[in-house]
Amino acid sequence: MDYLHLTLPLFLAFPIIINCLASFYPKIRVSLALFLAPLALLGLSLVSFIQGGPLTLEVAKVNALFSLGISLDILSGLIGATVMTIGIIVVRFSVRYLEDDPDQEGFSKNLSLTLFFVLSMLMSPNLVQFFLSWFGTSYFLHNLLTHFSKREGALKAAHQKFWVSRLGDVFILSAGVILFLIVGSLDFDSIFQAVGNSEFIQENRFLINLASIFIVLGAMTKSAQFPFHFWLPNTMETPTPVSALMHAGIINAGGYLVIRMSPLLSKATVSLSLLAIIGGLTTFWATLVMFTQPNVKKSLAYSTISQMGFMMLQCGLGAFSIAVVHIIGHSFYKAYSFLSSASATDIGKLNRYFPKEKMAQSVWSPFFYALLTMAIFMSSLKLIGFGIQADPGKFILVMILSLAISQIFLNTNEKFRSLSLSLTIVSLYFLLSAGTELLLKGIIPESIQFSGALTYSIFFLCAFLFLTLYLIQNNLEKISNTEIGRRIYAKSLKGEIL
């Protein structure tokens, strides 16, 4: 077991190794045996959990500011295995997708290097290596976005993404400078150990809050949050495998940064409040815009912005373990959605001639079912001892879950079957959340104490936004027949609500 850390560079360089071997054995890119690699990485991360600390390998240490190494714990293992799995699927898909492309070799090279830097970012032991990997990911993603160099729309979107990423670099660098000045090191362990001292927090409260806000802003640029969102819907002319990888893996980097730095952010609740309000507003806006988009890939892009907003909201509410579950689930769902987006057009054509029968319902039906499911879940949670009275974040998330589950009741007449399906989904949701929280114990903060009228006002606003969105979603046809509905539709179609 002492030598397991020596295998870490193989996982890090896995995409590059496969790409090099493919020049001699082309069929290796489509080999099912490749999926053993993410399983092995997941196994090693479980070993780190069992031994109570990360598997580390120091390659070079210059000084307290800069070092190169690899650190694998359960958090980087879970997200890393997800990225590797999706990366393998994307590589397999791109072999056929670009088989007649004259620069397929260059595309494969950029794809492998992008995956390499994403994995390096996930396994970075310090903020310096994280930033370098962050920059490397951005650079090679830019090469992928500009693969179709004669498409003006693709080039414009790539350059928008490039400059938004450079702004994100400024935010992360600013946070790094502040943390180095007050901690004297940029190693994650040193930073987290320092902020665990209450006296240190009191002495450096302003700078800790400032560094935390910069980290949140940097994460927002990477995860396409308002007002840094505009580049993502414009990337539709990039190759579909790039869209799948970007929406399913790379855009999660902002969320991963927030979760990795959660021991620091939990000491600066102002940054969490910023995450909550921006995440809530982004989710509300992007969902409305998504409803109006006729283009399949563009609709998926706004769906990604919305999902990332909800993930940021979860982090802002202190539910970091649930955010990890969300990242993994959304990654696989969005990769599948993009890689099968072409078939969605055929399905749409069939629905045009064979439309689904819509169930008539009153304006108040959604509220009735939402209150019913919320009452069931609140009672069930109280019975199993899962208290949420003192935690407004948990209350809001249970409310949102109830709104989502009530959609099952609204779209079928089989109420008993709906109830059993709802209970199954909720049970899985809480089991996955509880399991992830157990696995991440010691990596993310166990609890966060929220206080202040401003914080509770922001939480109330987020709850109101989701209730409003729920009402709009279930009354789209009625709203679209009103004057204000037509105006909202016109603005949503252009993405001009916010």
Protein backbone atom coordinates (compact mmCIF):
# COMPACT_ATOMS: atom_id res chain seq x y z
CA MET A 1 0.00 0.00 0.00
CA ASP A 2 2.94 2.35 0.63
CA TYR A 3 3.79 2.21 -3.07
CA LEU A 4 0.30 2.97 -4.38
CA HIS A 5 1.13 6.67 -4.67
CA LEU A 6 3.73 5.80 -7.33
CA THR A 7 0.89 4.85 -9.71
CA LEU A 8 -0.67 8.32 -9.55
CA PRO A 9 1.33 9.78 -12.49
CA LEU A 10 -0.06 7.00 -14.73
CA PHE A 11 -3.62 8.15 -14.05
CA LEU A 12 -2.67 11.77 -14.56
CA ALA A 13 -0.98 11.05 -17.90
CA PHE A 14 -3.61 8.47 -18.96
CA PRO A 15 -5.13 10.61 -21.78
CA ILE A 16 -1.69 11.44 -23.23
CA ILE A 17 -0.50 7.82 -23.04
CA ILE A 18 -3.60 6.56 -24.87
CA ASN A 19 -3.25 9.23 -27.55
CA CYS A 20 0.41 8.29 -28.13
CA LEU A 21 -0.38 4.57 -28.28
CA ALA A 22 -3.19 5.26 -30.75
CA SER A 23 -0.66 6.21 -33.43
CA PHE A 24 0.57 2.59 -33.35
CA TYR A 25 -2.69 0.86 -32.35
CA PRO A 26 -5.60 3.00 -33.64
CA LYS A 27 -8.24 0.66 -32.20
CA ILE A 28 -7.05 1.36 -28.65
CA ARG A 29 -9.21 4.50 -28.60
CA VAL A 30 -12.36 2.38 -28.82
CA SER A 31 -11.25 -0.40 -26.47
CA LEU A 32 -13.67 -1.14 -23.61
CA ALA A 33 -10.67 -2.03 -21.43
CA LEU A 34 -9.99 1.70 -21.06
CA PHE A 35 -12.88 1.94 -18.60
CA LEU A 36 -10.78 -0.02 -16.09
CA ALA A 37 -8.69 3.14 -15.54
CA PRO A 38 -11.45 5.26 -13.91
CA LEU A 39 -12.48 2.23 -11.83
CA ALA A 40 -8.89 1.85 -10.62
CA LEU A 41 -8.71 5.59 -9.82
CA LEU A 42 -11.93 5.29 -7.85
CA GLY A 43 -10.48 2.31 -6.01
CA LEU A 44 -7.36 4.26 -5.05
CA SER A 45 -9.48 7.15 -3.78
CA LEU A 46 -11.34 4.68 -1.56
CA VAL A 47 -7.96 3.52 -0.24
CA SER A 48 -7.20 7.13 0.69
CA PHE A 49 -10.55 7.30 2.52
CA ILE A 50 -9.79 4.12 4.45
CA GLN A 51 -6.33 5.28 5.49
CA GLY A 52 -7.74 8.66 6.55
CA GLY A 53 -5.64 10.89 4.29
CA PRO A 54 -4.82 11.56 0.64
CA LEU A 55 -2.34 9.58 -1.42
CA THR A 56 0.37 12.10 -2.28
CA LEU A 57 3.43 12.20 -4.50
CA GLU A 58 5.73 15.22 -4.45
CA VAL A 59 7.55 15.69 -7.74
CA ALA A 60 9.39 18.96 -7.07
CA LYS A 61 9.30 21.57 -4.31
CA VAL A 62 10.78 24.98 -5.06
CA ASN A 63 9.68 26.84 -1.93
CA ALA A 64 6.62 27.46 0.20
CA LEU A 65 4.96 29.18 -2.74
CA PHE A 66 5.48 26.66 -5.49
CA SER A 67 5.62 22.89 -5.70
CA LEU A 68 4.61 20.19 -8.15
CA GLY A 69 2.91 17.03 -7.02
CA ILE A 70 -0.18 14.86 -7.05
CA SER A 71 -2.72 14.50 -4.27
CA LEU A 72 -5.59 12.03 -4.53
CA ASP A 73 -8.41 11.97 -1.99
CA ILE A 74 -12.02 10.87 -2.24
CA LEU A 75 -13.16 14.24 -3.66
CA SER A 76 -10.61 14.36 -6.48
CA GLY A 77 -11.13 10.63 -7.02
CA LEU A 78 -14.89 10.86 -7.48
CA ILE A 79 -14.71 13.83 -9.85
CA GLY A 80 -11.56 12.49 -11.55
CA ALA A 81 -13.16 9.10 -12.28
CA THR A 82 -16.18 10.96 -13.70
CA VAL A 83 -13.96 13.07 -15.98
CA MET A 84 -11.96 10.03 -17.14
CA THR A 85 -15.10 8.03 -17.93
CA ILE A 86 -16.69 10.85 -19.90
CA GLY A 87 -13.34 11.57 -21.57
CA ILE A 88 -13.10 7.97 -22.80
CA ILE A 89 -16.66 8.14 -24.16
CA VAL A 90 -15.96 11.45 -25.90
CA VAL A 91 -12.75 10.08 -27.44
CA ARG A 92 -14.60 7.01 -28.73
CA PHE A 93 -17.35 9.22 -30.17
CA SER A 94 -14.91 11.63 -31.83
CA VAL A 95 -13.13 8.80 -33.70
CA ARG A 96 -16.24 8.29 -35.84
CA TYR A 97 -17.43 11.89 -35.68
CA LEU A 98 -14.20 13.28 -37.18
CA GLU A 99 -13.13 10.31 -39.31
CA ASP A 100 -13.01 12.45 -42.48
CA ASP A 101 -11.51 15.52 -40.81
CA PRO A 102 -8.02 16.32 -42.18
CA ASP A 103 -6.86 17.53 -38.74
CA GLN A 104 -8.21 14.67 -36.67
CA GLU A 105 -4.74 14.03 -35.25
CA GLY A 106 -4.48 17.63 -34.02
CA PHE A 107 -7.94 17.39 -32.49
CA SER A 108 -7.01 14.20 -30.63
CA LYS A 109 -3.82 15.81 -29.33
CA ASN A 110 -5.67 18.86 -27.99
CA LEU A 111 -8.37 16.65 -26.50
CA SER A 112 -5.86 14.48 -24.64
CA LEU A 113 -3.96 17.51 -23.32
CA THR A 114 -7.21 19.13 -22.18
CA LEU A 115 -8.09 15.99 -20.21
CA PHE A 116 -4.55 15.86 -18.79
CA PHE A 117 -4.79 19.40 -17.41
CA VAL A 118 -8.30 18.80 -16.03
CA LEU A 119 -7.01 15.76 -14.10
CA SER A 120 -3.96 17.75 -12.98
CA MET A 121 -6.27 20.47 -11.71
CA LEU A 122 -8.33 17.96 -9.75
CA MET A 123 -5.25 16.37 -8.15
CA SER A 124 -3.36 19.58 -7.40
CA PRO A 125 -2.03 19.83 -3.83
CA ASN A 126 -1.77 23.62 -3.90
CA LEU A 127 -3.31 26.72 -5.44
CA VAL A 128 -0.31 27.39 -7.72
CA GLN A 129 -0.51 24.05 -9.52
CA PHE A 130 -4.29 24.39 -9.59
CA PHE A 131 -3.95 27.75 -11.35
CA LEU A 132 -1.39 26.45 -13.86
CA SER A 133 -3.64 23.48 -14.65
CA TRP A 134 -6.64 25.83 -14.83
CA PHE A 135 -4.76 27.92 -17.41
CA GLY A 136 -3.61 24.84 -19.34
CA THR A 137 -7.19 23.54 -19.52
CA SER A 138 -8.36 26.90 -20.82
CA TYR A 139 -5.61 27.06 -23.46
CA PHE A 140 -6.19 23.62 -24.98
CA LEU A 141 -9.97 24.01 -24.74
CA HIS A 142 -9.53 27.18 -26.80
CA ASN A 143 -7.74 25.09 -29.45
CA LEU A 144 -10.67 22.65 -29.46
CA LEU A 145 -13.24 25.45 -29.72
CA THR A 146 -11.42 26.86 -32.75
CA HIS A 147 -11.00 23.48 -34.47
CA PHE A 148 -13.40 24.58 -37.21
CA SER A 149 -11.30 27.63 -37.92
CA LYS A 150 -13.41 28.80 -40.88
CA ARG A 151 -16.58 29.15 -38.82
CA GLU A 152 -16.90 32.76 -37.74
CA GLY A 153 -19.38 31.95 -34.95
CA ALA A 154 -17.02 29.35 -33.44
CA LEU A 155 -14.09 31.78 -33.45
CA LYS A 156 -16.15 34.56 -31.85
CA ALA A 157 -17.38 32.29 -29.05
CA ALA A 158 -13.86 30.94 -28.46
CA HIS A 159 -12.43 34.44 -28.09
CA GLN A 160 -15.26 35.42 -25.72
CA LYS A 161 -14.45 32.34 -23.65
CA PHE A 162 -10.74 33.17 -23.75
CA TRP A 163 -11.14 36.67 -22.30
CA VAL A 164 -13.68 35.60 -19.68
CA SER A 165 -11.19 32.93 -18.59
CA ARG A 166 -8.41 35.52 -18.36
CA LEU A 167 -10.64 37.58 -16.07
CA GLY A 168 -11.10 34.45 -13.99
CA ASP A 169 -7.31 34.08 -13.87
CA VAL A 170 -7.06 37.59 -12.40
CA PHE A 171 -9.55 36.68 -9.67
CA ILE A 172 -7.73 33.45 -8.74
CA LEU A 173 -4.32 35.16 -8.80
CA SER A 174 -5.65 37.93 -6.56
CA ALA A 175 -6.99 35.37 -4.10
CA GLY A 176 -3.65 33.53 -4.18
CA VAL A 177 -1.66 36.70 -3.44
CA ILE A 178 -3.89 37.55 -0.45
CA LEU A 179 -3.73 34.01 0.96
CA PHE A 180 0.04 33.88 0.59
CA LEU A 181 0.40 37.20 2.42
CA ILE A 182 -1.62 36.03 5.43
CA VAL A 183 -0.81 32.29 5.48
CA GLY A 184 2.70 32.21 4.00
CA SER A 185 1.91 29.20 1.84
CA LEU A 186 -0.44 28.22 -0.96
CA ASP A 187 -0.63 24.52 -0.10
CA PHE A 188 -4.27 23.60 0.48
CA ASP A 189 -3.46 21.80 3.75
CA SER A 190 -1.62 24.86 5.12
CA ILE A 191 -4.46 27.20 4.17
CA PHE A 192 -7.13 24.98 5.73
CA GLN A 193 -5.08 24.45 8.87
CA ALA A 194 -4.63 28.22 9.24
CA VAL A 195 -8.33 29.06 8.87
CA GLY A 196 -9.15 26.41 11.45
CA ASN A 197 -7.65 28.73 14.08
CA SER A 198 -10.28 31.15 15.44
CA GLU A 199 -7.63 33.72 16.44
CA PHE A 200 -6.23 33.71 12.90
CA ILE A 201 -9.76 34.29 11.56
CA GLN A 202 -10.31 37.25 13.87
CA GLU A 203 -6.99 38.86 12.98
CA ASN A 204 -7.43 38.50 9.20
CA ARG A 205 -11.21 38.55 8.76
CA PHE A 206 -11.27 41.26 6.07
CA LEU A 207 -8.55 39.65 3.92
CA ILE A 208 -10.09 36.19 4.29
CA ASN A 209 -13.44 37.56 3.13
CA LEU A 210 -11.77 39.34 0.22
CA ALA A 211 -9.83 36.24 -0.88
CA SER A 212 -13.00 34.14 -0.60
CA ILE A 213 -14.95 36.58 -2.78
CA PHE A 214 -12.20 36.46 -5.42
CA ILE A 215 -12.33 32.65 -5.40
CA VAL A 216 -16.11 32.74 -5.84
CA LEU A 217 -15.81 35.22 -8.73
CA GLY A 218 -13.16 33.05 -10.38
CA ALA A 219 -15.41 30.00 -10.05
CA MET A 220 -18.30 31.95 -11.56
CA THR A 221 -16.31 32.75 -14.70
CA LYS A 222 -15.42 29.08 -15.20
CA SER A 223 -18.96 27.81 -14.60
CA ALA A 224 -20.65 30.41 -16.83
CA GLN A 225 -22.58 32.22 -14.09
CA PHE A 226 -24.23 35.59 -14.62
CA PRO A 227 -22.77 37.99 -15.72
CA PHE A 228 -19.99 35.77 -17.17
CA HIS A 229 -22.37 33.40 -18.96
CA PHE A 230 -22.68 34.90 -22.46
CA TRP A 231 -19.93 32.86 -24.12
CA LEU A 232 -21.37 29.40 -23.45
CA PRO A 233 -24.56 29.51 -25.60
CA ASN A 234 -22.45 30.84 -28.49
CA THR A 235 -20.23 27.73 -28.67
CA MET A 236 -22.72 25.73 -30.72
CA GLU A 237 -20.53 25.61 -33.83
CA THR A 238 -17.77 23.73 -32.05
CA PRO A 239 -17.55 19.93 -32.65
CA THR A 240 -20.19 18.03 -30.65
CA PRO A 241 -17.56 15.98 -28.71
CA VAL A 242 -16.09 19.27 -27.46
CA SER A 243 -19.52 20.46 -26.34
CA ALA A 244 -20.06 17.19 -24.48
CA LEU A 245 -16.68 17.38 -22.73
CA MET A 246 -17.03 21.08 -21.93
CA HIS A 247 -20.58 20.90 -20.57
CA ALA A 248 -20.08 17.58 -18.80
CA GLY A 249 -16.63 18.08 -17.31
CA ILE A 250 -14.71 21.32 -17.76
CA ILE A 251 -17.50 23.66 -16.73
CA ASN A 252 -17.63 21.81 -13.38
CA ALA A 253 -14.18 23.23 -12.56
CA GLY A 254 -15.74 26.28 -10.90
CA GLY A 255 -17.88 24.09 -8.66
CA TYR A 256 -14.91 21.86 -7.85
CA LEU A 257 -12.86 24.93 -6.84
CA VAL A 258 -15.64 26.08 -4.51
CA ILE A 259 -15.97 22.63 -2.92
CA ARG A 260 -12.20 22.19 -2.59
CA MET A 261 -11.91 25.61 -0.92
CA SER A 262 -15.03 25.08 1.22
CA PRO A 263 -13.04 24.99 4.51
CA LEU A 264 -11.96 28.56 3.70
CA LEU A 265 -15.27 29.77 2.26
CA SER A 266 -17.19 28.45 5.27
CA LYS A 267 -15.28 30.98 7.39
CA ALA A 268 -16.47 33.81 5.12
CA THR A 269 -20.23 33.47 4.88
CA VAL A 270 -20.40 36.66 2.81
CA SER A 271 -18.88 34.69 -0.08
CA LEU A 272 -21.43 31.89 0.40
CA SER A 273 -24.24 34.46 0.36
CA LEU A 274 -22.83 35.78 -2.93
CA LEU A 275 -22.80 32.22 -4.31
CA ALA A 276 -26.41 31.67 -3.24
CA ILE A 277 -27.84 34.85 -4.74
CA ILE A 278 -25.90 34.62 -8.03
CA GLY A 279 -26.65 30.88 -8.32
CA GLY A 280 -30.35 31.45 -7.67
CA LEU A 281 -30.64 34.33 -10.15
CA THR A 282 -28.67 32.45 -12.80
CA THR A 283 -30.86 29.36 -12.41
CA PHE A 284 -34.05 31.43 -12.70
CA TRP A 285 -32.90 33.34 -15.77
CA ALA A 286 -31.29 30.44 -17.64
CA THR A 287 -34.30 28.17 -17.12
CA LEU A 288 -36.68 30.76 -18.57
CA VAL A 289 -34.40 31.23 -21.56
CA MET A 290 -34.06 27.46 -22.01
CA PHE A 291 -37.86 27.13 -22.35
CA THR A 292 -37.85 29.36 -25.45
CA GLN A 293 -34.89 27.94 -27.39
CA PRO A 294 -35.79 26.03 -30.60
CA ASN A 295 -32.17 24.90 -31.16
CA VAL A 296 -31.43 21.62 -29.34
CA LYS A 297 -27.77 22.35 -28.49
CA LYS A 298 -28.52 25.93 -27.47
CA SER A 299 -31.29 24.72 -25.18
CA LEU A 300 -28.79 22.28 -23.62
CA ALA A 301 -26.31 25.14 -23.16
CA TYR A 302 -28.81 27.19 -21.16
CA SER A 303 -29.72 24.04 -19.26
CA THR A 304 -26.05 23.73 -18.28
CA ILE A 305 -25.94 27.36 -17.10
CA SER A 306 -29.07 26.70 -15.04
CA GLN A 307 -27.69 23.47 -13.55
CA MET A 308 -24.40 25.15 -12.66
CA GLY A 309 -26.39 27.96 -11.04
CA PHE A 310 -28.27 25.44 -8.92
CA MET A 311 -25.01 23.73 -8.01
CA MET A 312 -23.59 27.10 -6.90
CA LEU A 313 -26.75 27.72 -4.89
CA GLN A 314 -26.24 24.39 -3.13
CA CYS A 315 -22.69 25.41 -2.23
CA GLY A 316 -23.95 28.82 -1.07
CA LEU A 317 -26.39 27.04 1.24
CA GLY A 318 -23.53 24.95 2.66
CA ALA A 319 -24.68 21.69 1.02
CA PHE A 320 -21.30 20.80 -0.48
CA SER A 321 -21.86 17.03 -0.42
CA ILE A 322 -25.11 17.41 -2.35
CA ALA A 323 -23.27 19.65 -4.83
CA VAL A 324 -20.79 16.80 -5.48
CA VAL A 325 -23.68 14.42 -6.22
CA HIS A 326 -25.14 17.08 -8.52
CA ILE A 327 -21.85 17.54 -10.40
CA ILE A 328 -21.45 13.81 -11.05
CA GLY A 329 -25.09 13.27 -12.05
CA HIS A 330 -25.20 16.33 -14.29
CA SER A 331 -21.92 15.36 -15.98
CA PHE A 332 -23.20 12.01 -17.19
CA TYR A 333 -26.62 13.37 -18.10
CA LYS A 334 -25.23 16.28 -20.11
CA ALA A 335 -22.59 14.16 -21.89
CA TYR A 336 -25.35 11.78 -23.01
CA SER A 337 -27.59 14.69 -24.02
CA PHE A 338 -24.99 16.31 -26.28
CA LEU A 339 -23.73 13.11 -27.85
CA SER A 340 -27.32 12.11 -28.67
CA SER A 341 -28.51 15.62 -29.58
CA ALA A 342 -28.83 14.72 -33.27
CA SER A 343 -31.50 12.12 -32.51
CA ALA A 344 -33.51 14.72 -30.58
CA THR A 345 -34.35 16.38 -33.90
CA ASP A 346 -35.88 13.15 -35.20
CA ILE A 347 -37.89 12.73 -32.01
CA GLY A 348 -39.09 16.32 -32.33
CA LYS A 349 -40.30 15.63 -35.86
CA LEU A 350 -42.23 12.56 -34.67
CA ASN A 351 -43.85 14.52 -31.84
CA ARG A 352 -44.89 17.09 -34.42
CA TYR A 353 -47.12 14.51 -36.08
CA PHE A 354 -47.94 12.52 -32.96
CA PRO A 355 -48.23 15.16 -30.20
CA LYS A 356 -48.54 14.01 -26.62
CA GLU A 357 -51.90 14.38 -24.93
CA LYS A 358 -51.74 17.19 -22.40
CA MET A 359 -53.55 16.92 -19.09
CA ALA A 360 -55.78 19.83 -18.21
CA GLN A 361 -55.07 21.35 -14.80
CA SER A 362 -55.95 24.45 -12.86
CA VAL A 363 -53.52 27.21 -11.95
CA TRP A 364 -53.53 26.02 -8.34
CA SER A 365 -52.91 22.31 -9.01
CA PRO A 366 -49.10 22.73 -8.98
CA PHE A 367 -49.27 24.44 -5.57
CA PHE A 368 -51.47 21.71 -4.15
CA TYR A 369 -49.12 18.93 -5.20
CA ALA A 370 -46.05 20.92 -4.15
CA LEU A 371 -47.46 21.47 -0.65
CA LEU A 372 -48.51 17.82 -0.48
CA THR A 373 -45.04 16.48 -1.38
CA MET A 374 -43.37 18.99 0.91
CA ALA A 375 -45.57 17.93 3.82
CA ILE A 376 -44.78 14.25 3.14
CA PHE A 377 -41.03 14.87 2.99
CA MET A 378 -40.96 17.15 6.05
CA SER A 379 -42.88 14.54 8.08
CA SER A 380 -40.64 11.72 6.85
CA LEU A 381 -37.47 13.64 7.67
CA LYS A 382 -38.74 14.47 11.15
CA LEU A 383 -39.58 10.81 11.78
CA ILE A 384 -36.04 9.69 10.87
CA GLY A 385 -34.49 12.45 12.95
CA PHE A 386 -33.22 14.62 10.11
CA GLY A 387 -33.83 18.04 11.61
CA ILE A 388 -33.89 21.09 9.37
CA GLN A 389 -35.46 23.63 11.70
CA ALA A 390 -32.15 25.33 12.52
CA ASP A 391 -30.75 25.03 9.00
CA PRO A 392 -32.42 27.31 6.43
CA GLY A 393 -30.22 25.90 3.66
CA LYS A 394 -31.58 22.38 4.13
CA PHE A 395 -35.13 23.72 4.28
CA ILE A 396 -34.74 25.49 0.91
CA LEU A 397 -33.22 22.41 -0.73
CA VAL A 398 -36.04 20.18 0.58
CA MET A 399 -38.53 22.73 -0.73
CA ILE A 400 -36.89 22.67 -4.19
CA LEU A 401 -36.82 18.87 -4.14
CA SER A 402 -40.53 18.86 -3.29
CA LEU A 403 -41.27 21.18 -6.21
CA ALA A 404 -39.34 18.89 -8.54
CA ILE A 405 -41.01 15.71 -7.30
CA SER A 406 -44.50 17.23 -7.52
CA GLN A 407 -44.01 17.35 -11.32
CA ILE A 408 -44.42 13.57 -11.31
CA PHE A 409 -47.91 13.91 -9.81
CA LEU A 410 -48.82 16.68 -12.24
CA ASN A 411 -47.99 14.68 -15.36
CA THR A 412 -49.85 11.43 -14.71
CA ASN A 413 -53.18 10.15 -13.43
CA GLU A 414 -51.57 7.14 -11.75
CA LYS A 415 -51.15 8.73 -8.34
CA PHE A 416 -50.14 5.58 -6.43
CA ARG A 417 -47.41 4.83 -8.95
CA SER A 418 -46.32 8.47 -8.75
CA LEU A 419 -46.08 8.24 -4.97
CA SER A 420 -43.93 5.09 -5.06
CA LEU A 421 -41.65 6.60 -7.72
CA SER A 422 -41.36 9.83 -5.74
CA LEU A 423 -40.41 8.01 -2.54
CA THR A 424 -37.83 5.96 -4.45
CA ILE A 425 -36.23 9.08 -5.95
CA VAL A 426 -36.19 10.91 -2.61
CA SER A 427 -34.72 7.88 -0.82
CA LEU A 428 -31.95 7.59 -3.40
CA TYR A 429 -31.32 11.34 -3.21
CA PHE A 430 -30.85 11.34 0.55
CA LEU A 431 -28.89 8.08 0.55
CA LEU A 432 -26.46 9.43 -2.04
CA SER A 433 -26.18 12.73 -0.18
CA ALA A 434 -25.60 11.03 3.17
CA GLY A 435 -23.09 8.60 1.64
CA THR A 436 -21.17 11.39 -0.07
CA GLU A 437 -21.17 13.44 3.13
CA LEU A 438 -19.69 10.46 4.98
CA LEU A 439 -17.01 9.95 2.33
CA LEU A 440 -16.10 13.65 2.31
CA LYS A 441 -15.85 13.95 6.08
CA GLY A 442 -12.74 15.96 6.89
CA ILE A 443 -12.60 17.43 3.36
CA ILE A 444 -15.68 19.65 3.48
CA PRO A 445 -16.98 21.47 6.59
CA GLU A 446 -19.49 19.45 8.61
CA SER A 447 -21.75 22.42 9.32
CA ILE A 448 -21.92 26.15 8.68
CA GLN A 449 -23.46 28.68 11.03
CA PHE A 450 -25.42 31.26 9.07
CA SER A 451 -26.50 34.48 10.75
CA GLY A 452 -27.61 38.00 9.91
CA ALA A 453 -30.72 39.50 8.34
CA LEU A 454 -29.01 39.90 4.95
CA THR A 455 -28.16 36.19 4.72
CA TYR A 456 -31.70 35.11 5.59
CA SER A 457 -33.11 37.67 3.14
CA ILE A 458 -30.98 36.16 0.37
CA PHE A 459 -32.17 32.66 1.28
CA PHE A 460 -35.79 33.88 1.22
CA LEU A 461 -35.24 35.47 -2.21
CA CYS A 462 -33.81 32.20 -3.57
CA ALA A 463 -36.85 30.29 -2.29
CA PHE A 464 -39.15 32.88 -3.89
CA LEU A 465 -37.32 32.60 -7.24
CA PHE A 466 -37.81 28.82 -7.35
CA LEU A 467 -41.48 29.08 -6.37
CA THR A 468 -41.99 31.65 -9.13
CA LEU A 469 -40.14 29.48 -11.65
CA TYR A 470 -42.29 26.52 -10.62
CA LEU A 471 -45.47 28.52 -11.21
CA ILE A 472 -44.25 29.74 -14.61
CA GLN A 473 -43.16 26.27 -15.75
CA ASN A 474 -46.56 24.76 -14.98
CA ASN A 475 -48.54 27.56 -16.57
CA LEU A 476 -46.46 28.33 -19.66
CA GLU A 477 -49.35 28.00 -22.07
CA LYS A 478 -51.59 30.34 -20.04
CA ILE A 479 -48.81 32.90 -19.52
CA SER A 480 -47.83 32.87 -23.20
CA ASN A 481 -51.32 34.06 -24.14
CA THR A 482 -50.95 37.27 -22.11
CA GLU A 483 -49.26 40.49 -23.21
CA ILE A 484 -46.57 40.28 -20.52
CA GLY A 485 -46.01 36.62 -21.40
CA ARG A 486 -45.33 37.50 -25.04
CA ARG A 487 -42.87 40.19 -23.97
CA ILE A 488 -41.04 37.81 -21.66
CA TYR A 489 -40.92 35.21 -24.44
CA ALA A 490 -39.36 37.70 -26.89
CA LYS A 491 -36.71 38.70 -24.37
CA SER A 492 -36.05 35.11 -23.31
CA LEU A 493 -35.57 34.04 -26.91
CA LYS A 494 -32.73 36.57 -27.16
CA GLY A 495 -31.42 35.85 -23.65
CA GLU A 496 -32.13 39.43 -22.55
CA ILE A 497 -34.08 38.89 -19.33
CA LEU A 498 -31.12 39.82 -17.16
